Amino acid sequence: MIATAGAVLLCAGTATAQVGGNIALLSDYRFRGVSMSDGHPVPQLTLNYDDPDSWYWGVQASGVNLHERGGTQWIAYAGMARRLASGWSWEAGASRSVLPRDHGSDYGEWYAGLAAERIGFRLYFSPHYFGRDTRTLYAEMNGFYPLPGGFKLVAHIGVLRPLPHAGMEAASVRRDGSLGLAAALGDWNAQLAWVASSGGAPRSVHYVEAASRAVVLSAAYSF
């Protein structure tokens, strides 16, 4: 969900404050395997601050196209990340997603994670996923493997599980995953990935799925 925060986790332990971000263009904005742009290309901007005391915070703005209505999804996040003596890092934080054209789909999440040099794990909890009276857990694993020529093989696996409670309609587990190739040239990064998701799990009326599978191309400039 929050790629920049994940990068902060992998780089935990820096001693100086850092301000940065990136601007990207995505051929399809896929959030946990589901298209938030109805299969159309959209821009994305991320700004973040990494405090020397291990705190970080930031904001991400992504173009969305929901039911043929354009708009922006804002995600603000904050947390703490620290490196362990073993070389692993841990983090904990919270995020808030806001859709200005549909505040009924706004929601917050708490998350915690562990990461090593090439692999990371995160667990998210939301008491009102996409504004619905539904509590959810989302678990994800992200990793990469370096290849010759400066390329990387990147992979992601995620599982969204609704937590049952009185009065909630039955909902199945949703799974998503991606496999792609990434390359960096200076401050520029490009990635081509195959993304897929299964059906099931509760969805907001605006959390729509253009297709269960897609090939997504993205290019980003970091600053």
C-alpha atoms as a PDB file:
ATOM      1  CA  MET A   1       0.000   0.000   0.000  1.00  0.00           C
ATOM      2  CA  ILE A   2       2.582   2.556   1.035  1.00  0.00           C
ATOM      3  CA  ALA A   3       5.696   1.841  -0.955  1.00  0.00           C
ATOM      4  CA  THR A   4       7.692   4.739   0.421  1.00  0.00           C
ATOM      5  CA  ALA A   5       7.080   3.720   4.009  1.00  0.00           C
ATOM      6  CA  GLY A   6       8.323   0.263   3.102  1.00  0.00           C
ATOM      7  CA  ALA A   7      11.500   1.797   1.749  1.00  0.00           C
ATOM      8  CA  VAL A   8      11.920   3.622   5.044  1.00  0.00           C
ATOM      9  CA  LEU A   9      11.715   0.283   6.841  1.00  0.00           C
ATOM     10  CA  LEU A  10      14.392  -1.269   4.646  1.00  0.00           C
ATOM     11  CA  CYS A  11      16.631   1.737   5.296  1.00  0.00           C
ATOM     12  CA  ALA A  12      15.936   1.998   9.026  1.00  0.00           C
ATOM     13  CA  GLY A  13      18.819   3.108  11.154  1.00  0.00           C
ATOM     14  CA  THR A  14      19.961   6.208   9.259  1.00  0.00           C
ATOM     15  CA  ALA A  15      21.286   8.905  11.599  1.00  0.00           C
ATOM     16  CA  THR A  16      20.253  12.050   9.698  1.00  0.00           C
ATOM     17  CA  ALA A  17      16.893  13.524   8.748  1.00  0.00           C
ATOM     18  CA  GLN A  18      15.898  12.895   5.153  1.00  0.00           C
ATOM     19  CA  VAL A  19      13.234  14.559   3.019  1.00  0.00           C
ATOM     20  CA  GLY A  20      12.368  12.974  -0.297  1.00  0.00           C
ATOM     21  CA  GLY A  21       9.731  11.630  -2.583  1.00  0.00           C
ATOM     22  CA  ASN A  22       8.928  10.583  -6.103  1.00  0.00           C
ATOM     23  CA  ILE A  23       6.585  11.364  -8.940  1.00  0.00           C
ATOM     24  CA  ALA A  24       5.335   8.470 -11.032  1.00  0.00           C
ATOM     25  CA  LEU A  25       3.104   7.567 -13.950  1.00  0.00           C
ATOM     26  CA  LEU A  26       1.262   4.232 -13.769  1.00  0.00           C
ATOM     27  CA  SER A  27      -0.503   2.561 -16.682  1.00  0.00           C
ATOM     28  CA  ASP A  28      -3.057   1.254 -14.132  1.00  0.00           C
ATOM     29  CA  TYR A  29      -3.253   2.102 -10.412  1.00  0.00           C
ATOM     30  CA  ARG A  30      -3.655  -1.308  -8.763  1.00  0.00           C
ATOM     31  CA  PHE A  31      -4.356  -1.272  -5.029  1.00  0.00           C
ATOM     32  CA  ARG A  32      -4.053  -4.760  -3.564  1.00  0.00           C
ATOM     33  CA  GLY A  33      -4.693  -6.196  -6.994  1.00  0.00           C
ATOM     34  CA  VAL A  34      -7.816  -4.140  -7.730  1.00  0.00           C
ATOM     35  CA  SER A  35      -7.815  -1.256 -10.214  1.00  0.00           C
ATOM     36  CA  MET A  36      -8.514   2.133  -8.648  1.00  0.00           C
ATOM     37  CA  SER A  37      -8.203   3.850 -12.031  1.00  0.00           C
ATOM     38  CA  ASP A  38     -10.596   1.644 -14.030  1.00  0.00           C
ATOM     39  CA  GLY A  39      -7.659   0.414 -16.089  1.00  0.00           C
ATOM     40  CA  HIS A  40      -6.536   3.916 -17.117  1.00  0.00           C
ATOM     41  CA  PRO A  41      -3.108   5.542 -16.631  1.00  0.00           C
ATOM     42  CA  VAL A  42      -2.805   7.969 -13.693  1.00  0.00           C
ATOM     43  CA  PRO A  43      -0.088  10.048 -11.993  1.00  0.00           C
ATOM     44  CA  GLN A  44       1.109   9.491  -8.429  1.00  0.00           C
ATOM     45  CA  LEU A  45       3.070  11.776  -6.092  1.00  0.00           C
ATOM     46  CA  THR A  46       4.729  10.717  -2.819  1.00  0.00           C
ATOM     47  CA  LEU A  47       6.418  12.969  -0.249  1.00  0.00           C
ATOM     48  CA  ASN A  48       8.038  11.674   2.933  1.00  0.00           C
ATOM     49  CA  TYR A  49      10.194  12.703   5.875  1.00  0.00           C
ATOM     50  CA  ASP A  50      12.520  10.336   7.762  1.00  0.00           C
ATOM     51  CA  ASP A  51      13.402  11.664  11.232  1.00  0.00           C
ATOM     52  CA  PRO A  52      16.801  10.815  12.816  1.00  0.00           C
ATOM     53  CA  ASP A  53      14.927   9.487  15.876  1.00  0.00           C
ATOM     54  CA  SER A  54      13.453   6.688  13.690  1.00  0.00           C
ATOM     55  CA  TRP A  55      10.077   8.370  13.105  1.00  0.00           C
ATOM     56  CA  TYR A  56       8.759   8.889   9.580  1.00  0.00           C
ATOM     57  CA  TRP A  57       5.680  10.395   8.000  1.00  0.00           C
ATOM     58  CA  GLY A  58       4.453  11.261   4.557  1.00  0.00           C
ATOM     59  CA  VAL A  59       1.618  11.606   2.088  1.00  0.00           C
ATOM     60  CA  GLN A  60       0.783   9.939  -1.216  1.00  0.00           C
ATOM     61  CA  ALA A  61      -1.600  11.358  -3.834  1.00  0.00           C
ATOM     62  CA  SER A  62      -2.815   9.048  -6.601  1.00  0.00           C
ATOM     63  CA  GLY A  63      -5.114   9.757  -9.497  1.00  0.00           C
ATOM     64  CA  VAL A  64      -8.211   7.559  -9.486  1.00  0.00           C
ATOM     65  CA  ASN A  65     -11.041   6.908 -11.944  1.00  0.00           C
ATOM     66  CA  LEU A  66     -14.022   5.401 -10.129  1.00  0.00           C
ATOM     67  CA  HIS A  67     -17.262   4.767 -12.010  1.00  0.00           C
ATOM     68  CA  GLU A  68     -16.049   7.117 -14.773  1.00  0.00           C
ATOM     69  CA  ARG A  69     -15.416   9.868 -12.207  1.00  0.00           C
ATOM     70  CA  GLY A  70     -11.898  11.199 -11.966  1.00  0.00           C
ATOM     71  CA  GLY A  71     -10.396  12.281  -8.677  1.00  0.00           C
ATOM     72  CA  THR A  72      -7.564  11.793  -6.217  1.00  0.00           C
ATOM     73  CA  GLN A  73      -6.919   9.346  -3.408  1.00  0.00           C
ATOM     74  CA  TRP A  74      -4.882  10.824  -0.558  1.00  0.00           C
ATOM     75  CA  ILE A  75      -3.035   8.533   1.844  1.00  0.00           C
ATOM     76  CA  ALA A  76      -1.289  10.045   4.876  1.00  0.00           C
ATOM     77  CA  TYR A  77       0.930   7.803   6.991  1.00  0.00           C
ATOM     78  CA  ALA A  78       3.231   7.972  10.008  1.00  0.00           C
ATOM     79  CA  GLY A  79       5.225   5.441  11.972  1.00  0.00           C
ATOM     80  CA  MET A  80       8.503   4.340  13.513  1.00  0.00           C
ATOM     81  CA  ALA A  81      11.146   2.035  12.020  1.00  0.00           C
ATOM     82  CA  ARG A  82      14.266   0.681  13.702  1.00  0.00           C
ATOM     83  CA  ARG A  83      17.025  -1.733  12.776  1.00  0.00           C
ATOM     84  CA  LEU A  84      17.734  -4.748  14.985  1.00  0.00           C
ATOM     85  CA  ALA A  85      21.161  -6.193  15.791  1.00  0.00           C
ATOM     86  CA  SER A  86      20.276  -9.203  13.632  1.00  0.00           C
ATOM     87  CA  GLY A  87      20.120  -7.006  10.539  1.00  0.00           C
ATOM     88  CA  TRP A  88      16.336  -7.138  10.345  1.00  0.00           C
ATOM     89  CA  SER A  89      14.225  -4.015  10.846  1.00  0.00           C
ATOM     90  CA  TRP A  90      10.821  -3.561  12.460  1.00  0.00           C
ATOM     91  CA  GLU A  91       8.219  -0.851  12.032  1.00  0.00           C
ATOM     92  CA  ALA A  92       4.767   0.137  13.287  1.00  0.00           C
ATOM     93  CA  GLY A  93       2.488   2.904  12.124  1.00  0.00           C
ATOM     94  CA  ALA A  94      -0.892   4.093  10.934  1.00  0.00           C
ATOM     95  CA  SER A  95      -2.354   5.443   7.706  1.00  0.00           C
ATOM     96  CA  ARG A  96      -5.488   7.250   6.569  1.00  0.00           C
ATOM     97  CA  SER A  97      -6.981   7.009   3.067  1.00  0.00           C
ATOM     98  CA  VAL A  98      -9.249   9.846   1.897  1.00  0.00           C
ATOM     99  CA  LEU A  99     -11.320  10.120  -1.283  1.00  0.00           C
ATOM    100  CA  PRO A 100     -12.494  13.777  -1.428  1.00  0.00           C
ATOM    101  CA  ARG A 101     -15.342  12.928  -3.811  1.00  0.00           C
ATOM    102  CA  ASP A 102     -16.605  10.116  -1.601  1.00  0.00           C
ATOM    103  CA  HIS A 103     -15.798  10.566   2.085  1.00  0.00           C
ATOM    104  CA  GLY A 104     -18.016   7.562   2.818  1.00  0.00           C
ATOM    105  CA  SER A 105     -15.135   5.409   1.561  1.00  0.00           C
ATOM    106  CA  ASP A 106     -12.474   7.015   3.778  1.00  0.00           C
ATOM    107  CA  TYR A 107     -10.795   4.643   6.211  1.00  0.00           C
ATOM    108  CA  GLY A 108      -7.785   4.164   8.454  1.00  0.00           C
ATOM    109  CA  GLU A 109      -5.386   1.289   9.078  1.00  0.00           C
ATOM    110  CA  TRP A 110      -2.802   0.280  11.669  1.00  0.00           C
ATOM    111  CA  TYR A 111       0.194  -1.704  10.451  1.00  0.00           C
ATOM    112  CA  ALA A 112       3.332  -3.447  11.659  1.00  0.00           C
ATOM    113  CA  GLY A 113       6.150  -5.088   9.750  1.00  0.00           C
ATOM    114  CA  LEU A 114       9.514  -6.815   9.607  1.00  0.00           C
ATOM    115  CA  ALA A 115      12.079  -6.582   6.822  1.00  0.00           C
ATOM    116  CA  ALA A 116      15.492  -7.834   5.815  1.00  0.00           C
ATOM    117  CA  GLU A 117      17.645  -6.683   2.908  1.00  0.00           C
ATOM    118  CA  ARG A 118      15.576  -8.326   0.164  1.00  0.00           C
ATOM    119  CA  ILE A 119      12.268  -9.277   1.776  1.00  0.00           C
ATOM    120  CA  GLY A 120       9.629  -7.613   3.932  1.00  0.00           C
ATOM    121  CA  PHE A 121       6.400  -8.585   5.688  1.00  0.00           C
ATOM    122  CA  ARG A 122       3.514  -6.384   6.829  1.00  0.00           C
ATOM    123  CA  LEU A 123       0.207  -6.870   8.629  1.00  0.00           C
ATOM    124  CA  TYR A 124      -2.561  -4.245   8.425  1.00  0.00           C
ATOM    125  CA  PHE A 125      -5.752  -3.901  10.488  1.00  0.00           C
ATOM    126  CA  SER A 126      -8.690  -1.706   9.503  1.00  0.00           C
ATOM    127  CA  PRO A 127     -11.839  -1.312  11.661  1.00  0.00           C
ATOM    128  CA  HIS A 128     -13.852   0.133   8.732  1.00  0.00           C
ATOM    129  CA  TYR A 129     -12.327  -1.011   5.444  1.00  0.00           C
ATOM    130  CA  PHE A 130     -13.193   1.492   2.697  1.00  0.00           C
ATOM    131  CA  GLY A 131     -15.798   3.030   4.982  1.00  0.00           C
ATOM    132  CA  ARG A 132     -17.805  -0.146   5.459  1.00  0.00           C
ATOM    133  CA  ASP A 133     -18.782  -1.689   8.785  1.00  0.00           C
ATOM    134  CA  THR A 134     -16.192  -4.384   8.181  1.00  0.00           C
ATOM    135  CA  ARG A 135     -12.998  -5.116  10.070  1.00  0.00           C
ATOM    136  CA  THR A 136     -10.188  -6.545   7.942  1.00  0.00           C
ATOM    137  CA  LEU A 137      -6.691  -7.936   8.192  1.00  0.00           C
ATOM    138  CA  TYR A 138      -4.352  -7.640   5.226  1.00  0.00           C
ATOM    139  CA  ALA A 139      -1.052  -9.546   5.197  1.00  0.00           C
ATOM    140  CA  GLU A 140       1.569  -8.984   2.528  1.00  0.00           C
ATOM    141  CA  MET A 141       5.046 -10.118   1.567  1.00  0.00           C
ATOM    142  CA  ASN A 142       7.284  -8.110  -0.769  1.00  0.00           C
ATOM    143  CA  GLY A 143      10.691  -9.054  -2.082  1.00  0.00           C
ATOM    144  CA  PHE A 144      13.222  -8.679  -4.847  1.00  0.00           C
ATOM    145  CA  TYR A 145      16.129 -10.588  -6.340  1.00  0.00           C
ATOM    146  CA  PRO A 146      18.990  -8.795  -8.158  1.00  0.00           C
ATOM    147  CA  LEU A 147      19.666  -9.786 -11.756  1.00  0.00           C
ATOM    148  CA  PRO A 148      22.569  -9.010 -14.103  1.00  0.00           C
ATOM    149  CA  GLY A 149      22.562  -5.653 -15.854  1.00  0.00           C
ATOM    150  CA  GLY A 150      21.054  -3.691 -12.979  1.00  0.00           C
ATOM    151  CA  PHE A 151      17.657  -5.369 -13.181  1.00  0.00           C
ATOM    152  CA  LYS A 152      15.625  -6.788 -10.303  1.00  0.00           C
ATOM    153  CA  LEU A 153      12.974  -9.467 -10.139  1.00  0.00           C
ATOM    154  CA  VAL A 154      10.237  -8.109  -7.839  1.00  0.00           C
ATOM    155  CA  ALA A 155       7.366 -10.046  -6.289  1.00  0.00           C
ATOM    156  CA  HIS A 156       4.373  -9.405  -4.024  1.00  0.00           C
ATOM    157  CA  ILE A 157       1.795 -11.653  -2.345  1.00  0.00           C
ATOM    158  CA  GLY A 158      -1.151 -10.349  -0.308  1.00  0.00           C
ATOM    159  CA  VAL A 159      -4.206 -11.757   1.473  1.00  0.00           C
ATOM    160  CA  LEU A 160      -7.205  -9.684   2.610  1.00  0.00           C
ATOM    161  CA  ARG A 161      -9.347 -11.398   5.258  1.00  0.00           C
ATOM    162  CA  PRO A 162     -12.592  -9.935   6.651  1.00  0.00           C
ATOM    163  CA  LEU A 163     -12.993 -10.454  10.403  1.00  0.00           C
ATOM    164  CA  PRO A 164     -16.498 -11.756  11.196  1.00  0.00           C
ATOM    165  CA  HIS A 165     -18.731  -9.961  13.666  1.00  0.00           C
ATOM    166  CA  ALA A 166     -22.431  -9.804  14.468  1.00  0.00           C
ATOM    167  CA  GLY A 167     -24.564  -8.549  11.590  1.00  0.00           C
ATOM    168  CA  MET A 168     -21.833  -8.789   8.950  1.00  0.00           C
ATOM    169  CA  GLU A 169     -22.616 -10.573   5.712  1.00  0.00           C
ATOM    170  CA  ALA A 170     -20.369 -13.489   4.841  1.00  0.00           C
ATOM    171  CA  ALA A 171     -17.336 -12.545   2.753  1.00  0.00           C
ATOM    172  CA  SER A 172     -14.551 -14.664   1.377  1.00  0.00           C
ATOM    173  CA  VAL A 173     -10.823 -14.072   1.434  1.00  0.00           C
ATOM    174  CA  ARG A 174      -9.290 -12.018  -1.388  1.00  0.00           C
ATOM    175  CA  ARG A 175      -5.792 -12.823  -2.638  1.00  0.00           C
ATOM    176  CA  ASP A 176      -3.547 -10.738  -4.846  1.00  0.00           C
ATOM    177  CA  GLY A 177      -0.062 -11.041  -6.228  1.00  0.00           C
ATOM    178  CA  SER A 178       2.376  -9.568  -8.705  1.00  0.00           C
ATOM    179  CA  LEU A 179       5.591 -10.544 -10.436  1.00  0.00           C
ATOM    180  CA  GLY A 180       7.679  -8.111 -12.388  1.00  0.00           C
ATOM    181  CA  LEU A 181      10.977  -6.760 -13.633  1.00  0.00           C
ATOM    182  CA  ALA A 182      12.382  -3.463 -12.339  1.00  0.00           C
ATOM    183  CA  ALA A 183      15.306  -1.335 -13.476  1.00  0.00           C
ATOM    184  CA  ALA A 184      16.928   1.850 -12.168  1.00  0.00           C
ATOM    185  CA  LEU A 185      18.910   4.486 -14.045  1.00  0.00           C
ATOM    186  CA  GLY A 186      20.094   7.267 -11.776  1.00  0.00           C
ATOM    187  CA  ASP A 187      17.044   8.801 -10.120  1.00  0.00           C
ATOM    188  CA  TRP A 188      14.683   7.092 -12.563  1.00  0.00           C
ATOM    189  CA  ASN A 189      12.976   3.758 -11.955  1.00  0.00           C
ATOM    190  CA  ALA A 190      10.811   1.657 -14.255  1.00  0.00           C
ATOM    191  CA  GLN A 191       8.841  -1.504 -13.592  1.00  0.00           C
ATOM    192  CA  LEU A 192       6.799  -3.912 -15.689  1.00  0.00           C
ATOM    193  CA  ALA A 193       4.648  -6.296 -13.645  1.00  0.00           C
ATOM    194  CA  TRP A 194       1.910  -8.874 -14.032  1.00  0.00           C
ATOM    195  CA  VAL A 195      -0.761  -8.272 -11.372  1.00  0.00           C
ATOM    196  CA  ALA A 196      -3.625 -10.584 -10.440  1.00  0.00           C
ATOM    197  CA  SER A 197      -6.307 -10.818  -7.763  1.00  0.00           C
ATOM    198  CA  SER A 198      -9.046 -13.260  -6.843  1.00  0.00           C
ATOM    199  CA  GLY A 199     -12.664 -12.365  -6.120  1.00  0.00           C
ATOM    200  CA  GLY A 200     -14.303 -12.153  -2.729  1.00  0.00           C
ATOM    201  CA  ALA A 201     -13.800  -9.951   0.341  1.00  0.00           C
ATOM    202  CA  PRO A 202     -15.912  -6.870   1.078  1.00  0.00           C
ATOM    203  CA  ARG A 203     -15.617  -3.961  -1.318  1.00  0.00           C
ATOM    204  CA  SER A 204     -16.819  -0.382  -1.261  1.00  0.00           C
ATOM    205  CA  VAL A 205     -19.079   0.622  -4.131  1.00  0.00           C
ATOM    206  CA  HIS A 206     -16.081   2.647  -5.351  1.00  0.00           C
ATOM    207  CA  TYR A 207     -13.521  -0.121  -4.810  1.00  0.00           C
ATOM    208  CA  VAL A 208     -14.168  -1.650  -8.219  1.00  0.00           C
ATOM    209  CA  GLU A 209     -12.272  -4.202 -10.270  1.00  0.00           C
ATOM    210  CA  ALA A 210     -11.643  -3.539 -13.952  1.00  0.00           C
ATOM    211  CA  ALA A 211     -10.100  -6.981 -14.476  1.00  0.00           C
ATOM    212  CA  SER A 212      -8.740  -9.798 -12.362  1.00  0.00           C
ATOM    213  CA  ARG A 213      -5.420  -9.736 -14.224  1.00  0.00           C
ATOM    214  CA  ALA A 214      -3.394  -6.982 -15.830  1.00  0.00           C
ATOM    215  CA  VAL A 215       0.077  -6.009 -16.971  1.00  0.00           C
ATOM    216  CA  VAL A 216       1.127  -2.726 -15.356  1.00  0.00           C
ATOM    217  CA  LEU A 217       3.933  -0.434 -16.491  1.00  0.00           C
ATOM    218  CA  SER A 218       5.203   2.316 -14.200  1.00  0.00           C
ATOM    219  CA  ALA A 219       7.955   4.916 -14.362  1.00  0.00           C
ATOM    220  CA  ALA A 220       9.072   7.090 -11.433  1.00  0.00           C
ATOM    221  CA  TYR A 221      11.531   9.885 -10.730  1.00  0.00           C
ATOM    222  CA  SER A 222      12.882  10.117  -7.167  1.00  0.00           C
ATOM    223  CA  PHE A 223      14.057  13.350  -5.579  1.00  0.00           C
END
